[in-house]
Amino acid sequence: MPEQTIDPATGMIAALFDQVRSFLDMGGPVVLLLALLSVLSLTVILYKLWQFSWLGIGRHKRAQQAARLWQGGEHRPALSLIEEGKAPVSVVLCHAMRGQLLHADKPALLREDIERVALQTLSRARSLLRLLETIGQISPLLGLFGTVIGMIEAFQKLQQAGSSVDPSVLAGGIWIALLTTAVGLAVAIPASLCADWFNTRLERERETIEELVTGILTGQITDAQTVRATASNTAAGVIGDVQSA
């Protein structure tokens, strides 16, 4: 009867599953819970990476070009260009341009409506980040909880051993207990770092929204060329007054 050959890849996968199973058996239910949190954290991180890429968060060239067209008086081309964008800055800027075209006589209401749209857009982009932050906060606590439970069990075994104490039993119980703390930190660190990175990207998006929308609402008041021209005319007038005096 011919011997059955085992695929090397299948053998590696089986060995990996055996190691994971033994790892979970040593760590107990706390490590199992942390493993589930790590899977959830990885899922959220991958989803947010896809979402940010699809929305184009951090890519502001289209919005900046539309703002320059608007400042140059080309309102309709600027609106047509920005309507194609999906990023929060593009959505809010498009709303601001439409408001300026249709309701320029109501600046206070227009600004409030733009703030409402900006909050809604950024809130949708910020979805699930609170979950990621929570995983980063509770994972070390769960790891510490598992360590305390493991230490209690280790010292219980030490007490039951009586006078015939085997140091290896105590050492083995302690390192298994500390395992949960290490797993908790391993889950918390990437979750916290990614949550901070996502929040930083959204904060930059909010700052860009404020900058460009202010330029749309104030018109040529904040235009650099207009400011320089006004300053030059003012200086020339002051010099003329001095010379005439």
C-alpha atoms as a PDB file:
ATOM      1  CA  MET A   1       0.000   0.000   0.000  1.00  0.00           C
ATOM      2  CA  PRO A   2       1.589   3.311  -1.050  1.00  0.00           C
ATOM      3  CA  GLU A   3       2.384   5.787   1.696  1.00  0.00           C
ATOM      4  CA  GLN A   4       0.296   8.955   1.764  1.00  0.00           C
ATOM      5  CA  THR A   5       2.311  12.127   1.342  1.00  0.00           C
ATOM      6  CA  ILE A   6       1.382  15.240   3.313  1.00  0.00           C
ATOM      7  CA  ASP A   7       1.487  18.602   1.601  1.00  0.00           C
ATOM      8  CA  PRO A   8       4.150  20.782   3.336  1.00  0.00           C
ATOM      9  CA  ALA A   9       1.789  23.785   3.339  1.00  0.00           C
ATOM     10  CA  THR A  10      -0.971  21.733   4.976  1.00  0.00           C
ATOM     11  CA  GLY A  11       1.478  20.464   7.588  1.00  0.00           C
ATOM     12  CA  MET A  12       2.603  24.005   8.401  1.00  0.00           C
ATOM     13  CA  ILE A  13      -0.986  25.192   8.766  1.00  0.00           C
ATOM     14  CA  ALA A  14      -1.837  22.259  11.015  1.00  0.00           C
ATOM     15  CA  ALA A  15       1.225  22.925  13.162  1.00  0.00           C
ATOM     16  CA  LEU A  16       0.293  26.594  13.399  1.00  0.00           C
ATOM     17  CA  PHE A  17      -3.228  25.738  14.532  1.00  0.00           C
ATOM     18  CA  ASP A  18      -1.823  23.362  17.132  1.00  0.00           C
ATOM     19  CA  GLN A  19       0.433  26.103  18.500  1.00  0.00           C
ATOM     20  CA  VAL A  20      -2.448  28.567  18.635  1.00  0.00           C
ATOM     21  CA  ARG A  21      -4.640  26.003  20.397  1.00  0.00           C
ATOM     22  CA  SER A  22      -1.982  25.285  23.009  1.00  0.00           C
ATOM     23  CA  PHE A  23      -1.381  29.011  23.426  1.00  0.00           C
ATOM     24  CA  LEU A  24      -5.064  29.607  24.127  1.00  0.00           C
ATOM     25  CA  ASP A  25      -5.193  26.639  26.496  1.00  0.00           C
ATOM     26  CA  MET A  26      -2.308  28.078  28.521  1.00  0.00           C
ATOM     27  CA  GLY A  27      -3.717  31.588  28.649  1.00  0.00           C
ATOM     28  CA  GLY A  28      -7.260  30.567  29.438  1.00  0.00           C
ATOM     29  CA  PRO A  29     -10.474  32.503  28.687  1.00  0.00           C
ATOM     30  CA  VAL A  30      -8.803  35.899  29.061  1.00  0.00           C
ATOM     31  CA  VAL A  31      -6.392  35.194  26.210  1.00  0.00           C
ATOM     32  CA  LEU A  32      -9.302  33.880  24.135  1.00  0.00           C
ATOM     33  CA  LEU A  33     -11.173  37.139  24.736  1.00  0.00           C
ATOM     34  CA  LEU A  34      -8.077  39.147  23.812  1.00  0.00           C
ATOM     35  CA  ALA A  35      -7.695  37.080  20.644  1.00  0.00           C
ATOM     36  CA  LEU A  36     -11.268  37.971  19.661  1.00  0.00           C
ATOM     37  CA  LEU A  37     -10.555  41.645  20.376  1.00  0.00           C
ATOM     38  CA  SER A  38      -7.445  41.479  18.203  1.00  0.00           C
ATOM     39  CA  VAL A  39      -9.480  40.100  15.303  1.00  0.00           C
ATOM     40  CA  LEU A  40     -12.088  42.829  15.813  1.00  0.00           C
ATOM     41  CA  SER A  41      -9.378  45.490  16.007  1.00  0.00           C
ATOM     42  CA  LEU A  42      -7.717  44.270  12.811  1.00  0.00           C
ATOM     43  CA  THR A  43     -11.071  44.247  11.026  1.00  0.00           C
ATOM     44  CA  VAL A  44     -11.790  47.846  12.052  1.00  0.00           C
ATOM     45  CA  ILE A  45      -8.297  48.992  11.036  1.00  0.00           C
ATOM     46  CA  LEU A  46      -8.557  47.418   7.580  1.00  0.00           C
ATOM     47  CA  TYR A  47     -12.043  48.856   7.091  1.00  0.00           C
ATOM     48  CA  LYS A  48     -10.942  52.353   8.078  1.00  0.00           C
ATOM     49  CA  LEU A  49      -7.932  52.162   5.754  1.00  0.00           C
ATOM     50  CA  TRP A  50     -10.251  51.239   2.893  1.00  0.00           C
ATOM     51  CA  GLN A  51     -12.764  53.934   3.863  1.00  0.00           C
ATOM     52  CA  PHE A  52     -10.149  56.684   4.091  1.00  0.00           C
ATOM     53  CA  SER A  53      -8.687  55.642   0.759  1.00  0.00           C
ATOM     54  CA  TRP A  54     -12.105  55.505  -0.918  1.00  0.00           C
ATOM     55  CA  LEU A  55     -13.159  58.885   0.440  1.00  0.00           C
ATOM     56  CA  GLY A  56      -9.804  60.427  -0.403  1.00  0.00           C
ATOM     57  CA  ILE A  57      -9.180  61.814   3.067  1.00  0.00           C
ATOM     58  CA  GLY A  58      -5.914  63.723   3.001  1.00  0.00           C
ATOM     59  CA  ARG A  59      -6.079  64.404  -0.757  1.00  0.00           C
ATOM     60  CA  HIS A  60      -7.005  68.078  -1.123  1.00  0.00           C
ATOM     61  CA  LYS A  61      -5.772  69.007  -4.601  1.00  0.00           C
ATOM     62  CA  ARG A  62      -9.267  69.022  -6.127  1.00  0.00           C
ATOM     63  CA  ALA A  63     -10.681  71.158  -3.308  1.00  0.00           C
ATOM     64  CA  GLN A  64      -7.772  73.596  -3.423  1.00  0.00           C
ATOM     65  CA  GLN A  65      -8.067  73.941  -7.202  1.00  0.00           C
ATOM     66  CA  ALA A  66     -11.811  74.579  -6.888  1.00  0.00           C
ATOM     67  CA  ALA A  67     -11.154  77.204  -4.207  1.00  0.00           C
ATOM     68  CA  ARG A  68      -8.668  78.979  -6.496  1.00  0.00           C
ATOM     69  CA  LEU A  69     -11.200  78.990  -9.324  1.00  0.00           C
ATOM     70  CA  TRP A  70     -13.814  80.426  -6.992  1.00  0.00           C
ATOM     71  CA  GLN A  71     -11.459  83.148  -5.788  1.00  0.00           C
ATOM     72  CA  GLY A  72     -10.787  83.971  -9.428  1.00  0.00           C
ATOM     73  CA  GLY A  73     -14.488  84.532 -10.063  1.00  0.00           C
ATOM     74  CA  GLU A  74     -15.080  81.261 -11.946  1.00  0.00           C
ATOM     75  CA  HIS A  75     -17.909  80.087  -9.717  1.00  0.00           C
ATOM     76  CA  ARG A  76     -19.645  77.590 -11.979  1.00  0.00           C
ATOM     77  CA  PRO A  77     -16.434  75.767 -13.040  1.00  0.00           C
ATOM     78  CA  ALA A  78     -15.358  75.606  -9.407  1.00  0.00           C
ATOM     79  CA  LEU A  79     -18.692  74.085  -8.368  1.00  0.00           C
ATOM     80  CA  SER A  80     -18.613  71.581 -11.234  1.00  0.00           C
ATOM     81  CA  LEU A  81     -15.111  70.487 -10.251  1.00  0.00           C
ATOM     82  CA  ILE A  82     -15.846  70.037  -6.554  1.00  0.00           C
ATOM     83  CA  GLU A  83     -19.122  68.151  -7.114  1.00  0.00           C
ATOM     84  CA  GLU A  84     -17.119  65.117  -8.241  1.00  0.00           C
ATOM     85  CA  GLY A  85     -15.210  64.816  -4.946  1.00  0.00           C
ATOM     86  CA  LYS A  86     -16.131  62.380  -2.158  1.00  0.00           C
ATOM     87  CA  ALA A  87     -13.788  63.613   0.574  1.00  0.00           C
ATOM     88  CA  PRO A  88     -15.333  65.505   3.516  1.00  0.00           C
ATOM     89  CA  VAL A  89     -13.524  68.676   2.485  1.00  0.00           C
ATOM     90  CA  SER A  90     -15.014  68.404  -1.017  1.00  0.00           C
ATOM     91  CA  VAL A  91     -18.532  67.759   0.283  1.00  0.00           C
ATOM     92  CA  VAL A  92     -18.466  70.694   2.693  1.00  0.00           C
ATOM     93  CA  LEU A  93     -16.815  73.024   0.185  1.00  0.00           C
ATOM     94  CA  CYS A  94     -19.426  72.151  -2.436  1.00  0.00           C
ATOM     95  CA  HIS A  95     -22.164  72.916   0.097  1.00  0.00           C
ATOM     96  CA  ALA A  96     -20.540  76.258   0.896  1.00  0.00           C
ATOM     97  CA  MET A  97     -20.310  77.213  -2.786  1.00  0.00           C
ATOM     98  CA  ARG A  98     -23.952  76.365  -3.416  1.00  0.00           C
ATOM     99  CA  GLY A  99     -24.936  78.372  -0.365  1.00  0.00           C
ATOM    100  CA  GLN A 100     -22.970  81.380  -1.576  1.00  0.00           C
ATOM    101  CA  LEU A 101     -24.627  81.197  -4.974  1.00  0.00           C
ATOM    102  CA  LEU A 102     -28.169  80.779  -3.660  1.00  0.00           C
ATOM    103  CA  HIS A 103     -28.229  82.388  -0.205  1.00  0.00           C
ATOM    104  CA  ALA A 104     -25.398  84.882  -0.039  1.00  0.00           C
ATOM    105  CA  ASP A 105     -27.772  87.336   1.666  1.00  0.00           C
ATOM    106  CA  LYS A 106     -28.065  85.069   4.749  1.00  0.00           C
ATOM    107  CA  PRO A 107     -24.457  84.705   5.981  1.00  0.00           C
ATOM    108  CA  ALA A 108     -25.312  83.684   9.560  1.00  0.00           C
ATOM    109  CA  LEU A 109     -27.729  80.918   8.568  1.00  0.00           C
ATOM    110  CA  LEU A 110     -25.373  79.807   5.809  1.00  0.00           C
ATOM    111  CA  ARG A 111     -22.456  79.416   8.210  1.00  0.00           C
ATOM    112  CA  GLU A 112     -24.580  77.406  10.647  1.00  0.00           C
ATOM    113  CA  ASP A 113     -25.751  75.116   7.854  1.00  0.00           C
ATOM    114  CA  ILE A 114     -22.174  74.594   6.662  1.00  0.00           C
ATOM    115  CA  GLU A 115     -21.107  73.702  10.218  1.00  0.00           C
ATOM    116  CA  ARG A 116     -23.951  71.172  10.389  1.00  0.00           C
ATOM    117  CA  VAL A 117     -22.857  69.490   7.166  1.00  0.00           C
ATOM    118  CA  ALA A 118     -19.206  69.489   8.275  1.00  0.00           C
ATOM    119  CA  LEU A 119     -20.087  67.839  11.595  1.00  0.00           C
ATOM    120  CA  GLN A 120     -22.190  65.175   9.895  1.00  0.00           C
ATOM    121  CA  THR A 121     -19.540  64.412   7.290  1.00  0.00           C
ATOM    122  CA  LEU A 122     -16.695  64.158   9.784  1.00  0.00           C
ATOM    123  CA  SER A 123     -18.828  62.090  12.176  1.00  0.00           C
ATOM    124  CA  ARG A 124     -19.448  59.507   9.450  1.00  0.00           C
ATOM    125  CA  ALA A 125     -15.721  59.383   8.714  1.00  0.00           C
ATOM    126  CA  ARG A 126     -15.015  59.006  12.448  1.00  0.00           C
ATOM    127  CA  SER A 127     -17.310  55.982  12.835  1.00  0.00           C
ATOM    128  CA  LEU A 128     -15.845  52.926  14.623  1.00  0.00           C
ATOM    129  CA  LEU A 129     -12.844  54.909  15.869  1.00  0.00           C
ATOM    130  CA  ARG A 130     -14.370  54.972  19.346  1.00  0.00           C
ATOM    131  CA  LEU A 131     -14.490  51.170  19.256  1.00  0.00           C
ATOM    132  CA  LEU A 132     -10.817  51.039  18.288  1.00  0.00           C
ATOM    133  CA  GLU A 133      -9.917  53.424  21.114  1.00  0.00           C
ATOM    134  CA  THR A 134     -11.923  51.308  23.575  1.00  0.00           C
ATOM    135  CA  ILE A 135     -10.053  48.163  22.531  1.00  0.00           C
ATOM    136  CA  GLY A 136      -6.772  49.980  23.075  1.00  0.00           C
ATOM    137  CA  GLN A 137      -7.880  51.029  26.560  1.00  0.00           C
ATOM    138  CA  ILE A 138      -9.377  47.798  27.914  1.00  0.00           C
ATOM    139  CA  SER A 139      -6.920  45.277  26.449  1.00  0.00           C
ATOM    140  CA  PRO A 140      -4.117  46.034  28.968  1.00  0.00           C
ATOM    141  CA  LEU A 141      -6.671  45.896  31.786  1.00  0.00           C
ATOM    142  CA  LEU A 142      -7.901  42.499  30.615  1.00  0.00           C
ATOM    143  CA  GLY A 143      -4.302  41.305  30.403  1.00  0.00           C
ATOM    144  CA  LEU A 144      -3.653  42.498  33.941  1.00  0.00           C
ATOM    145  CA  PHE A 145      -6.842  40.813  35.112  1.00  0.00           C
ATOM    146  CA  GLY A 146      -5.682  37.539  33.591  1.00  0.00           C
ATOM    147  CA  THR A 147      -2.282  37.926  35.244  1.00  0.00           C
ATOM    148  CA  VAL A 148      -3.852  38.429  38.671  1.00  0.00           C
ATOM    149  CA  ILE A 149      -6.011  35.337  38.217  1.00  0.00           C
ATOM    150  CA  GLY A 150      -2.965  33.332  37.087  1.00  0.00           C
ATOM    151  CA  MET A 151      -0.923  34.476  40.065  1.00  0.00           C
ATOM    152  CA  ILE A 152      -3.719  33.454  42.426  1.00  0.00           C
ATOM    153  CA  GLU A 153      -3.810  29.989  40.870  1.00  0.00           C
ATOM    154  CA  ALA A 154      -0.013  29.702  41.048  1.00  0.00           C
ATOM    155  CA  PHE A 155       0.083  30.512  44.749  1.00  0.00           C
ATOM    156  CA  GLN A 156      -2.811  28.150  45.394  1.00  0.00           C
ATOM    157  CA  LYS A 157      -0.736  25.347  43.878  1.00  0.00           C
ATOM    158  CA  LEU A 158       2.191  26.474  45.992  1.00  0.00           C
ATOM    159  CA  GLN A 159       0.069  26.249  49.135  1.00  0.00           C
ATOM    160  CA  GLN A 160      -1.275  22.835  48.189  1.00  0.00           C
ATOM    161  CA  ALA A 161       2.264  21.530  47.680  1.00  0.00           C
ATOM    162  CA  GLY A 162       3.006  22.139  51.347  1.00  0.00           C
ATOM    163  CA  SER A 163       6.598  21.548  52.379  1.00  0.00           C
ATOM    164  CA  SER A 164       7.536  19.767  49.130  1.00  0.00           C
ATOM    165  CA  VAL A 165       7.604  22.894  46.991  1.00  0.00           C
ATOM    166  CA  ASP A 166       8.840  22.594  43.433  1.00  0.00           C
ATOM    167  CA  PRO A 167      10.104  25.986  42.212  1.00  0.00           C
ATOM    168  CA  SER A 168       9.467  24.976  38.608  1.00  0.00           C
ATOM    169  CA  VAL A 169       5.737  24.700  39.333  1.00  0.00           C
ATOM    170  CA  LEU A 170       5.642  28.238  40.708  1.00  0.00           C
ATOM    171  CA  ALA A 171       7.797  29.622  37.882  1.00  0.00           C
ATOM    172  CA  GLY A 172       5.622  27.907  35.273  1.00  0.00           C
ATOM    173  CA  GLY A 173       2.470  29.349  36.805  1.00  0.00           C
ATOM    174  CA  ILE A 174       3.933  32.845  36.949  1.00  0.00           C
ATOM    175  CA  TRP A 175       5.084  32.992  33.328  1.00  0.00           C
ATOM    176  CA  ILE A 176       1.741  31.685  32.125  1.00  0.00           C
ATOM    177  CA  ALA A 177       0.052  34.377  34.204  1.00  0.00           C
ATOM    178  CA  LEU A 178       2.283  37.088  32.748  1.00  0.00           C
ATOM    179  CA  LEU A 179       1.426  35.829  29.288  1.00  0.00           C
ATOM    180  CA  THR A 180      -1.983  37.511  29.450  1.00  0.00           C
ATOM    181  CA  THR A 181      -0.386  40.904  30.165  1.00  0.00           C
ATOM    182  CA  ALA A 182       1.888  40.524  27.150  1.00  0.00           C
ATOM    183  CA  VAL A 183      -1.071  39.577  24.938  1.00  0.00           C
ATOM    184  CA  GLY A 184      -3.077  42.524  26.249  1.00  0.00           C
ATOM    185  CA  LEU A 185      -0.290  44.945  25.401  1.00  0.00           C
ATOM    186  CA  ALA A 186       0.195  43.343  21.992  1.00  0.00           C
ATOM    187  CA  VAL A 187      -3.486  43.986  21.220  1.00  0.00           C
ATOM    188  CA  ALA A 188      -3.610  47.479  22.738  1.00  0.00           C
ATOM    189  CA  ILE A 189      -0.511  49.047  21.170  1.00  0.00           C
ATOM    190  CA  PRO A 190      -1.452  48.754  17.472  1.00  0.00           C
ATOM    191  CA  ALA A 191      -5.082  49.606  18.218  1.00  0.00           C
ATOM    192  CA  SER A 192      -4.111  52.803  20.045  1.00  0.00           C
ATOM    193  CA  LEU A 193      -1.523  53.823  17.444  1.00  0.00           C
ATOM    194  CA  CYS A 194      -3.932  53.325  14.547  1.00  0.00           C
ATOM    195  CA  ALA A 195      -6.726  55.173  16.357  1.00  0.00           C
ATOM    196  CA  ASP A 196      -4.406  58.139  16.954  1.00  0.00           C
ATOM    197  CA  TRP A 197      -3.281  58.091  13.320  1.00  0.00           C
ATOM    198  CA  PHE A 198      -6.867  58.061  12.032  1.00  0.00           C
ATOM    199  CA  ASN A 199      -7.847  60.895  14.391  1.00  0.00           C
ATOM    200  CA  THR A 200      -4.830  62.924  13.245  1.00  0.00           C
ATOM    201  CA  ARG A 201      -5.870  62.533   9.612  1.00  0.00           C
ATOM    202  CA  LEU A 202      -9.404  63.670  10.457  1.00  0.00           C
ATOM    203  CA  GLU A 203      -8.098  66.643  12.432  1.00  0.00           C
ATOM    204  CA  ARG A 204      -6.088  67.750   9.389  1.00  0.00           C
ATOM    205  CA  GLU A 205      -9.210  67.303   7.267  1.00  0.00           C
ATOM    206  CA  ARG A 206     -11.154  69.528   9.671  1.00  0.00           C
ATOM    207  CA  GLU A 207      -8.463  72.221   9.556  1.00  0.00           C
ATOM    208  CA  THR A 208      -8.469  72.169   5.761  1.00  0.00           C
ATOM    209  CA  ILE A 209     -12.258  72.447   5.725  1.00  0.00           C
ATOM    210  CA  GLU A 210     -12.137  75.506   7.979  1.00  0.00           C
ATOM    211  CA  GLU A 211      -9.430  77.135   5.877  1.00  0.00           C
ATOM    212  CA  LEU A 212     -11.068  76.631   2.487  1.00  0.00           C
ATOM    213  CA  VAL A 213     -14.635  77.340   3.598  1.00  0.00           C
ATOM    214  CA  THR A 214     -13.511  80.582   5.243  1.00  0.00           C
ATOM    215  CA  GLY A 215     -11.929  81.598   1.952  1.00  0.00           C
ATOM    216  CA  ILE A 216     -15.192  80.876   0.112  1.00  0.00           C
ATOM    217  CA  LEU A 217     -17.358  82.786   2.585  1.00  0.00           C
ATOM    218  CA  THR A 218     -15.079  85.818   2.852  1.00  0.00           C
ATOM    219  CA  GLY A 219     -14.410  86.066  -0.882  1.00  0.00           C
ATOM    220  CA  GLN A 220     -11.558  88.322  -1.894  1.00  0.00           C
ATOM    221  CA  ILE A 221     -11.039  89.593   1.646  1.00  0.00           C
ATOM    222  CA  THR A 222      -8.566  86.814   2.422  1.00  0.00           C
ATOM    223  CA  ASP A 223      -6.999  86.640  -1.033  1.00  0.00           C
ATOM    224  CA  ALA A 224      -3.239  87.208  -0.767  1.00  0.00           C
ATOM    225  CA  GLN A 225      -3.005  89.300  -3.941  1.00  0.00           C
ATOM    226  CA  THR A 226      -5.818  91.569  -2.790  1.00  0.00           C
ATOM    227  CA  VAL A 227      -4.178  92.008   0.597  1.00  0.00           C
ATOM    228  CA  ARG A 228      -0.852  92.921  -1.004  1.00  0.00           C
ATOM    229  CA  ALA A 229      -2.512  95.330  -3.419  1.00  0.00           C
ATOM    230  CA  THR A 230      -4.472  96.976  -0.617  1.00  0.00           C
ATOM    231  CA  ALA A 231      -1.336  97.326   1.486  1.00  0.00           C
ATOM    232  CA  SER A 232       0.557  98.858  -1.467  1.00  0.00           C
ATOM    233  CA  ASN A 233      -2.226 101.357  -2.167  1.00  0.00           C
ATOM    234  CA  THR A 234      -2.417 102.269   1.507  1.00  0.00           C
ATOM    235  CA  ALA A 235       1.341 102.762   1.702  1.00  0.00           C
ATOM    236  CA  ALA A 236       1.316 104.852  -1.473  1.00  0.00           C
ATOM    237  CA  GLY A 237      -1.458 107.013  -0.074  1.00  0.00           C
ATOM    238  CA  VAL A 238       0.400 107.546   3.168  1.00  0.00           C
ATOM    239  CA  ILE A 239       3.584 108.528   1.271  1.00  0.00           C
ATOM    240  CA  GLY A 240       1.575 110.918  -0.902  1.00  0.00           C
ATOM    241  CA  ASP A 241       0.031 112.572   2.134  1.00  0.00           C
ATOM    242  CA  VAL A 242       3.453 112.980   3.710  1.00  0.00           C
ATOM    243  CA  GLN A 243       4.935 114.501   0.543  1.00  0.00           C
ATOM    244  CA  SER A 244       2.031 116.903   0.112  1.00  0.00           C
ATOM    245  CA  ALA A 245       2.340 117.963   3.729  1.00  0.00           C
END
